[in-house]
C-alpha atoms as a PDB file:
ATOM      1  CA  TYR A   1      43.801 -31.334 -16.432  1.00  0.00           C
ATOM      2  CA  GLU A   2      43.852 -34.829 -15.002  1.00  0.00           C
ATOM      3  CA  GLU A   3      42.725 -33.891 -11.485  1.00  0.00           C
ATOM      4  CA  GLY A   4      40.299 -31.014 -12.039  1.00  0.00           C
ATOM      5  CA  TRP A   5      37.435 -29.502 -13.946  1.00  0.00           C
ATOM      6  CA  LEU A   6      37.409 -27.067 -16.840  1.00  0.00           C
ATOM      7  CA  VAL A   7      34.165 -25.146 -17.392  1.00  0.00           C
ATOM      8  CA  GLU A   8      32.960 -22.337 -19.607  1.00  0.00           C
ATOM      9  CA  ILE A   9      30.444 -19.862 -18.203  1.00  0.00           C
ATOM     10  CA  GLU A  10      28.397 -17.362 -20.185  1.00  0.00           C
ATOM     11  CA  MET A  11      27.287 -14.328 -18.188  1.00  0.00           C
ATOM     12  CA  LYS A  12      23.818 -12.959 -18.931  1.00  0.00           C
ATOM     13  CA  ASP A  13      24.295  -9.867 -16.757  1.00  0.00           C
ATOM     14  CA  GLU A  14      27.890  -8.666 -16.539  1.00  0.00           C
ATOM     15  CA  SER A  15      27.009  -6.343 -13.643  1.00  0.00           C
ATOM     16  CA  GLU A  16      26.951  -9.472 -11.445  1.00  0.00           C
ATOM     17  CA  LEU A  17      30.725  -9.863 -11.846  1.00  0.00           C
ATOM     18  CA  GLY A  18      31.200  -7.528  -8.886  1.00  0.00           C
ATOM     19  CA  GLU A  19      29.478 -10.087  -6.641  1.00  0.00           C
ATOM     20  CA  LEU A  20      31.993 -12.856  -7.354  1.00  0.00           C
ATOM     21  CA  LEU A  21      34.409 -13.916  -4.611  1.00  0.00           C
ATOM     22  CA  ASP A  22      38.175 -13.815  -4.928  1.00  0.00           C
ATOM     23  CA  ALA A  23      40.212 -16.835  -3.776  1.00  0.00           C
ATOM     24  CA  ALA A  24      40.729 -15.490  -0.229  1.00  0.00           C
ATOM     25  CA  ALA A  25      37.032 -14.728   0.308  1.00  0.00           C
ATOM     26  CA  TYR A  26      36.034 -18.130  -1.069  1.00  0.00           C
ATOM     27  CA  GLU A  27      38.426 -19.948   1.281  1.00  0.00           C
ATOM     28  CA  LYS A  28      36.835 -18.185   4.272  1.00  0.00           C
ATOM     29  CA  ILE A  29      33.454 -19.768   3.535  1.00  0.00           C
ATOM     30  CA  LEU A  30      34.793 -23.277   2.967  1.00  0.00           C
END
């Protein structure tokens, strides 16, 4: 993990998981 970040996220509303982007969708907005 020398060149990156490691984070832990706690979801309050698991229904929001459907709104997350996959890698391909995220690359399109970069």
